[in-house]
PDB file of N, CA and C in Angstrom:
ATOM      1  N   MET A   1      73.490 -32.513   2.472  1.00  0.00           N
ATOM      2  CA  MET A   1      72.256 -32.280   1.741  1.00  0.00           C
ATOM      3  C   MET A   1      71.700 -33.594   1.220  1.00  0.00           C
ATOM      4  N   THR A   2      71.335 -34.457   2.114  1.00  0.00           N
ATOM      5  CA  THR A   2      70.843 -35.771   1.716  1.00  0.00           C
ATOM      6  C   THR A   2      69.462 -35.695   1.080  1.00  0.00           C
ATOM      7  N   ARG A   3      68.688 -34.702   1.475  1.00  0.00           N
ATOM      8  CA  ARG A   3      67.351 -34.615   0.893  1.00  0.00           C
ATOM      9  C   ARG A   3      67.403 -34.346  -0.602  1.00  0.00           C
ATOM     10  N   GLY A   4      68.293 -33.482  -1.015  1.00  0.00           N
ATOM     11  CA  GLY A   4      68.442 -33.202  -2.441  1.00  0.00           C
ATOM     12  C   GLY A   4      68.874 -34.445  -3.188  1.00  0.00           C
ATOM     13  N   ASN A   5      69.780 -35.201  -2.609  1.00  0.00           N
ATOM     14  CA  ASN A   5      70.237 -36.436  -3.210  1.00  0.00           C
ATOM     15  C   ASN A   5      69.090 -37.445  -3.284  1.00  0.00           C
ATOM     16  N   GLN A   6      68.293 -37.512  -2.232  1.00  0.00           N
ATOM     17  CA  GLN A   6      67.165 -38.451  -2.211  1.00  0.00           C
ATOM     18  C   GLN A   6      66.161 -38.095  -3.297  1.00  0.00           C
ATOM     19  N   ARG A   7      65.898 -36.817  -3.471  1.00  0.00           N
ATOM     20  CA  ARG A   7      64.975 -36.389  -4.531  1.00  0.00           C
ATOM     21  C   ARG A   7      65.489 -36.802  -5.894  1.00  0.00           C
ATOM     22  N   GLU A   8      66.785 -36.617  -6.092  1.00  0.00           N
ATOM     23  CA  GLU A   8      67.389 -36.986  -7.373  1.00  0.00           C
ATOM     24  C   GLU A   8      67.303 -38.493  -7.593  1.00  0.00           C
ATOM     25  N   GLN A   9      67.565 -39.259  -6.557  1.00  0.00           N
ATOM     26  CA  GLN A   9      67.477 -40.717  -6.671  1.00  0.00           C
ATOM     27  C   GLN A   9      66.044 -41.156  -6.970  1.00  0.00           C
ATOM     28  N   ASP A  10      65.074 -40.556  -6.302  1.00  0.00           N
ATOM     29  CA  ASP A  10      63.670 -40.873  -6.550  1.00  0.00           C
ATOM     30  C   ASP A  10      63.259 -40.489  -7.964  1.00  0.00           C
ATOM     31  N   ARG A  11      63.759 -39.364  -8.432  1.00  0.00           N
ATOM     32  CA  ARG A  11      63.448 -38.908  -9.782  1.00  0.00           C
ATOM     33  C   ARG A  11      63.978 -39.908 -10.814  1.00  0.00           C
ATOM     34  N   LEU A  12      65.219 -40.387 -10.616  1.00  0.00           N
ATOM     35  CA  LEU A  12      65.796 -41.368 -11.525  1.00  0.00           C
ATOM     36  C   LEU A  12      65.019 -42.685 -11.486  1.00  0.00           C
ATOM     37  N   LYS A  13      64.628 -43.091 -10.289  1.00  0.00           N
ATOM     38  CA  LYS A  13      63.860 -44.325 -10.137  1.00  0.00           C
ATOM     39  C   LYS A  13      62.506 -44.211 -10.862  1.00  0.00           C
ATOM     40  N   ALA A  14      61.857 -43.062 -10.732  1.00  0.00           N
ATOM     41  CA  ALA A  14      60.576 -42.843 -11.389  1.00  0.00           C
ATOM     42  C   ALA A  14      60.736 -42.842 -12.908  1.00  0.00           C
ATOM     43  N   GLN A  15      61.819 -42.275 -13.397  1.00  0.00           N
ATOM     44  CA  GLN A  15      62.064 -42.278 -14.846  1.00  0.00           C
ATOM     45  C   GLN A  15      62.263 -43.686 -15.371  1.00  0.00           C
ATOM     46  N   LYS A  16      62.995 -44.508 -14.628  1.00  0.00           N
ATOM     47  CA  LYS A  16      63.203 -45.895 -15.037  1.00  0.00           C
ATOM     48  C   LYS A  16      61.888 -46.659 -15.050  1.00  0.00           C
ATOM     49  N   LYS A  17      61.076 -46.429 -14.037  1.00  0.00           N
ATOM     50  CA  LYS A  17      59.786 -47.106 -13.942  1.00  0.00           C
ATOM     51  C   LYS A  17      58.869 -46.680 -15.087  1.00  0.00           C
ATOM     52  N   ALA A  18      58.853 -45.403 -15.406  1.00  0.00           N
ATOM     53  CA  ALA A  18      58.026 -44.899 -16.500  1.00  0.00           C
ATOM     54  C   ALA A  18      58.492 -45.469 -17.834  1.00  0.00           C
ATOM     55  N   ALA A  19      59.798 -45.588 -18.006  1.00  0.00           N
ATOM     56  CA  ALA A  19      60.334 -46.152 -19.246  1.00  0.00           C
ATOM     57  C   ALA A  19      59.958 -47.625 -19.379  1.00  0.00           C
ATOM     58  N   ALA A  20      59.991 -48.351 -18.279  1.00  0.00           N
ATOM     59  CA  ALA A  20      59.617 -49.767 -18.311  1.00  0.00           C
ATOM     60  C   ALA A  20      58.135 -49.933 -18.626  1.00  0.00           C
ATOM     61  N   ASN A  21      57.307 -49.059 -18.070  1.00  0.00           N
ATOM     62  CA  ASN A  21      55.869 -49.143 -18.331  1.00  0.00           C
ATOM     63  C   ASN A  21      55.538 -48.741 -19.758  1.00  0.00           C
ATOM     64  N   ALA A  22      56.319 -47.861 -20.346  1.00  0.00           N
ATOM     65  CA  ALA A  22      56.074 -47.414 -21.711  1.00  0.00           C
ATOM     66  C   ALA A  22      56.324 -48.546 -22.711  1.00  0.00           C
ATOM     67  N   LYS A  23      57.210 -49.465 -22.370  1.00  0.00           N
ATOM     68  CA  LYS A  23      57.540 -50.566 -23.257  1.00  0.00           C
ATOM     69  C   LYS A  23      56.476 -51.657 -23.265  1.00  0.00           C
ATOM     70  N   LYS A  24      55.679 -51.742 -22.218  1.00  0.00           N
ATOM     71  CA  LYS A  24      54.671 -52.799 -22.118  1.00  0.00           C
ATOM     72  C   LYS A  24      53.545 -52.542 -23.127  1.00  0.00           C
ATOM     73  N   PRO A  25      53.044 -53.597 -23.757  1.00  0.00           N
ATOM     74  CA  PRO A  25      51.934 -53.406 -24.685  1.00  0.00           C
ATOM     75  C   PRO A  25      50.660 -53.047 -23.921  1.00  0.00           C
ATOM     76  N   LYS A  26      49.924 -52.140 -24.482  1.00  0.00           N
ATOM     77  CA  LYS A  26      48.689 -51.718 -23.837  1.00  0.00           C
ATOM     78  C   LYS A  26      47.560 -52.661 -24.238  1.00  0.00           C
ATOM     79  N   GLU A  27      46.556 -52.729 -23.401  1.00  0.00           N
ATOM     80  CA  GLU A  27      45.426 -53.616 -23.650  1.00  0.00           C
ATOM     81  C   GLU A  27      44.561 -53.025 -24.765  1.00  0.00           C
ATOM     82  N   SER A  28      44.208 -53.852 -25.727  1.00  0.00           N
ATOM     83  CA  SER A  28      43.409 -53.355 -26.838  1.00  0.00           C
ATOM     84  C   SER A  28      41.963 -53.143 -26.388  1.00  0.00           C
ATOM     85  N   ALA A  29      41.233 -52.384 -27.154  1.00  0.00           N
ATOM     86  CA  ALA A  29      39.855 -52.057 -26.803  1.00  0.00           C
ATOM     87  C   ALA A  29      38.978 -53.306 -26.802  1.00  0.00           C
ATOM     88  N   SER A  30      39.225 -54.210 -27.742  1.00  0.00           N
ATOM     89  CA  SER A  30      38.399 -55.419 -27.804  1.00  0.00           C
ATOM     90  C   SER A  30      38.664 -56.335 -26.620  1.00  0.00           C
ATOM     91  N   SER A  31      39.920 -56.491 -26.237  1.00  0.00           N
ATOM     92  CA  SER A  31      40.208 -57.358 -25.097  1.00  0.00           C
ATOM     93  C   SER A  31      39.733 -56.702 -23.797  1.00  0.00           C
ATOM     94  N   LEU A  32      39.785 -55.389 -23.734  1.00  0.00           N
ATOM     95  CA  LEU A  32      39.283 -54.685 -22.567  1.00  0.00           C
ATOM     96  C   LEU A  32      37.774 -54.894 -22.440  1.00  0.00           C
ATOM     97  N   ALA A  33      37.060 -54.800 -23.548  1.00  0.00           N
ATOM     98  CA  ALA A  33      35.613 -55.004 -23.540  1.00  0.00           C
ATOM     99  C   ALA A  33      35.270 -56.437 -23.135  1.00  0.00           C
ATOM    100  N   LYS A  34      36.034 -57.395 -23.647  1.00  0.00           N
ATOM    101  CA  LYS A  34      35.796 -58.797 -23.291  1.00  0.00           C
ATOM    102  C   LYS A  34      36.019 -59.016 -21.802  1.00  0.00           C
ATOM    103  N   ARG A  35      37.086 -58.425 -21.267  1.00  0.00           N
ATOM    104  CA  ARG A  35      37.382 -58.586 -19.847  1.00  0.00           C
ATOM    105  C   ARG A  35      36.298 -57.944 -18.989  1.00  0.00           C
ATOM    106  N   LYS A  36      35.844 -56.756 -19.401  1.00  0.00           N
ATOM    107  CA  LYS A  36      34.779 -56.087 -18.651  1.00  0.00           C
ATOM    108  C   LYS A  36      33.499 -56.909 -18.667  1.00  0.00           C
ATOM    109  N   GLU A  37      33.168 -57.497 -19.800  1.00  0.00           N
ATOM    110  CA  GLU A  37      31.960 -58.318 -19.907  1.00  0.00           C
ATOM    111  C   GLU A  37      32.080 -59.571 -19.050  1.00  0.00           C
ATOM    112  N   ALA A  38      33.256 -60.194 -19.052  1.00  0.00           N
ATOM    113  CA  ALA A  38      33.470 -61.379 -18.225  1.00  0.00           C
ATOM    114  C   ALA A  38      33.353 -61.031 -16.747  1.00  0.00           C
ATOM    115  N   ASP A  39      33.929 -59.913 -16.355  1.00  0.00           N
ATOM    116  CA  ASP A  39      33.829 -59.470 -14.968  1.00  0.00           C
ATOM    117  C   ASP A  39      32.378 -59.192 -14.580  1.00  0.00           C
ATOM    118  N   ALA A  40      31.637 -58.578 -15.490  1.00  0.00           N
ATOM    119  CA  ALA A  40      30.235 -58.276 -15.232  1.00  0.00           C
ATOM    120  C   ALA A  40      29.432 -59.561 -15.070  1.00  0.00           C
ATOM    121  N   ASP A  41      29.723 -60.567 -15.903  1.00  0.00           N
ATOM    122  CA  ASP A  41      29.030 -61.851 -15.795  1.00  0.00           C
ATOM    123  C   ASP A  41      29.294 -62.503 -14.441  1.00  0.00           C
ATOM    124  N   ILE A  42      30.539 -62.443 -14.006  1.00  0.00           N
ATOM    125  CA  ILE A  42      30.893 -63.024 -12.708  1.00  0.00           C
ATOM    126  C   ILE A  42      30.143 -62.313 -11.582  1.00  0.00           C
ATOM    127  N   LEU A  43      30.099 -60.994 -11.647  1.00  0.00           N
ATOM    128  CA  LEU A  43      29.406 -60.231 -10.604  1.00  0.00           C
ATOM    129  C   LEU A  43      27.909 -60.502 -10.617  1.00  0.00           C
ATOM    130  N   ARG A  44      27.328 -60.638 -11.813  1.00  0.00           N
ATOM    131  CA  ARG A  44      25.895 -60.960 -11.902  1.00  0.00           C
ATOM    132  C   ARG A  44      25.608 -62.317 -11.275  1.00  0.00           C
ATOM    133  N   ALA A  45      26.474 -63.295 -11.538  1.00  0.00           N
ATOM    134  CA  ALA A  45      26.293 -64.632 -10.967  1.00  0.00           C
ATOM    135  C   ALA A  45      26.392 -64.589  -9.445  1.00  0.00           C
ATOM    136  N   LYS A  46      27.354 -63.830  -8.933  1.00  0.00           N
ATOM    137  CA  LYS A  46      27.493 -63.693  -7.483  1.00  0.00           C
ATOM    138  C   LYS A  46      26.258 -63.034  -6.874  1.00  0.00           C
ATOM    139  N   GLN A  47      25.766 -61.998  -7.551  1.00  0.00           N
ATOM    140  CA  GLN A  47      24.602 -61.285  -7.043  1.00  0.00           C
ATOM    141  C   GLN A  47      23.373 -62.192  -7.043  1.00  0.00           C
ATOM    142  N   LYS A  48      23.199 -62.974  -8.100  1.00  0.00           N
ATOM    143  CA  LYS A  48      22.059 -63.880  -8.183  1.00  0.00           C
ATOM    144  C   LYS A  48      22.123 -64.926  -7.078  1.00  0.00           C
ATOM    145  N   LYS A  49      23.317 -65.466  -6.835  1.00  0.00           N
ATOM    146  CA  LYS A  49      23.500 -66.457  -5.781  1.00  0.00           C
ATOM    147  C   LYS A  49      23.163 -65.854  -4.426  1.00  0.00           C
ATOM    148  N   LYS A  50      23.628 -64.635  -4.182  1.00  0.00           N
ATOM    149  CA  LYS A  50      23.368 -63.967  -2.908  1.00  0.00           C
ATOM    150  C   LYS A  50      21.867 -63.707  -2.730  1.00  0.00           C
ATOM    151  N   GLU A  51      21.197 -63.288  -3.796  1.00  0.00           N
ATOM    152  CA  GLU A  51      19.754 -63.046  -3.718  1.00  0.00           C
ATOM    153  C   GLU A  51      19.006 -64.332  -3.426  1.00  0.00           C
ATOM    154  N   GLU A  52      19.435 -65.444  -4.038  1.00  0.00           N
ATOM    155  CA  GLU A  52      18.784 -66.729  -3.776  1.00  0.00           C
ATOM    156  C   GLU A  52      18.988 -67.144  -2.320  1.00  0.00           C
ATOM    157  N   GLU A  53      20.197 -66.936  -1.799  1.00  0.00           N
ATOM    158  CA  GLU A  53      20.453 -67.262  -0.396  1.00  0.00           C
ATOM    159  C   GLU A  53      19.582 -66.419   0.528  1.00  0.00           C
ATOM    160  N   MET A  54      19.450 -65.147   0.206  1.00  0.00           N
ATOM    161  CA  MET A  54      18.648 -64.250   1.043  1.00  0.00           C
ATOM    162  C   MET A  54      17.170 -64.629   0.979  1.00  0.00           C
ATOM    163  N   SER A  55      16.680 -65.001  -0.205  1.00  0.00           N
ATOM    164  CA  SER A  55      15.268 -65.345  -0.328  1.00  0.00           C
ATOM    165  C   SER A  55      14.964 -66.653   0.397  1.00  0.00           C
ATOM    166  N   THR A  56      15.866 -67.637   0.326  1.00  0.00           N
ATOM    167  CA  THR A  56      15.633 -68.884   1.044  1.00  0.00           C
ATOM    168  C   THR A  56      15.741 -68.664   2.550  1.00  0.00           C
ATOM    169  N   LYS A  57      16.650 -67.794   2.956  1.00  0.00           N
ATOM    170  CA  LYS A  57      16.797 -67.483   4.380  1.00  0.00           C
ATOM    171  C   LYS A  57      15.553 -66.759   4.887  1.00  0.00           C
ATOM    172  N   ALA A  58      15.024 -65.830   4.107  1.00  0.00           N
ATOM    173  CA  ALA A  58      13.828 -65.097   4.491  1.00  0.00           C
ATOM    174  C   ALA A  58      12.619 -66.030   4.543  1.00  0.00           C
ATOM    175  N   ALA A  59      12.533 -66.961   3.591  1.00  0.00           N
ATOM    176  CA  ALA A  59      11.442 -67.910   3.572  1.00  0.00           C
ATOM    177  C   ALA A  59      11.519 -68.828   4.793  1.00  0.00           C
ATOM    178  N   ALA A  60      12.711 -69.247   5.142  1.00  0.00           N
ATOM    179  CA  ALA A  60      12.873 -70.107   6.319  1.00  0.00           C
ATOM    180  C   ALA A  60      12.510 -69.368   7.602  1.00  0.00           C
ATOM    181  N   GLU A  61      12.876 -68.112   7.688  1.00  0.00           N
ATOM    182  CA  GLU A  61      12.529 -67.308   8.854  1.00  0.00           C
ATOM    183  C   GLU A  61      11.029 -67.090   8.933  1.00  0.00           C
ATOM    184  N   ALA A  62      10.402 -66.854   7.787  1.00  0.00           N
ATOM    185  CA  ALA A  62       8.969 -66.624   7.760  1.00  0.00           C
ATOM    186  C   ALA A  62       8.244 -67.914   8.144  1.00  0.00           C
ATOM    187  N   ALA A  63       8.715 -69.041   7.688  1.00  0.00           N
ATOM    188  CA  ALA A  63       8.090 -70.320   8.034  1.00  0.00           C
ATOM    189  C   ALA A  63       8.274 -70.610   9.522  1.00  0.00           C
ATOM    190  N   GLY A  64       9.393 -70.223  10.059  1.00  0.00           N
ATOM    191  CA  GLY A  64       9.679 -70.438  11.466  1.00  0.00           C
ATOM    192  C   GLY A  64       8.838 -69.575  12.379  1.00  0.00           C
ATOM    193  N   THR A  65       8.492 -68.397  11.953  1.00  0.00           N
ATOM    194  CA  THR A  65       7.699 -67.491  12.808  1.00  0.00           C
ATOM    195  C   THR A  65       6.217 -67.812  12.739  1.00  0.00           C
ATOM    196  N   LYS A  66       5.775 -68.480  11.696  1.00  0.00           N
ATOM    197  CA  LYS A  66       4.356 -68.799  11.571  1.00  0.00           C
ATOM    198  C   LYS A  66       3.959 -69.959  12.482  1.00  0.00           C
ATOM    199  N   LYS A  67       4.900 -70.775  12.916  1.00  0.00           N
ATOM    200  CA  LYS A  67       4.582 -71.953  13.745  1.00  0.00           C
ATOM    201  C   LYS A  67       4.273 -71.564  15.138  1.00  0.00           C
TER     202      LYS A  67
END
């Protein structure tokens, strides 16, 4: 009956993992908000850069087709 033994071993492993995660300090609301804001700033900067690249590429294509 190896399957029963495997289930028991997995159950014990999951309990150990849950106990280890319970000991870790959780992220506070203020640090979570700061991290979310920093991530949002990074994404905004990436989006702005991409839009600038697209607008310059579109302008170059438009200038190329007018000739």
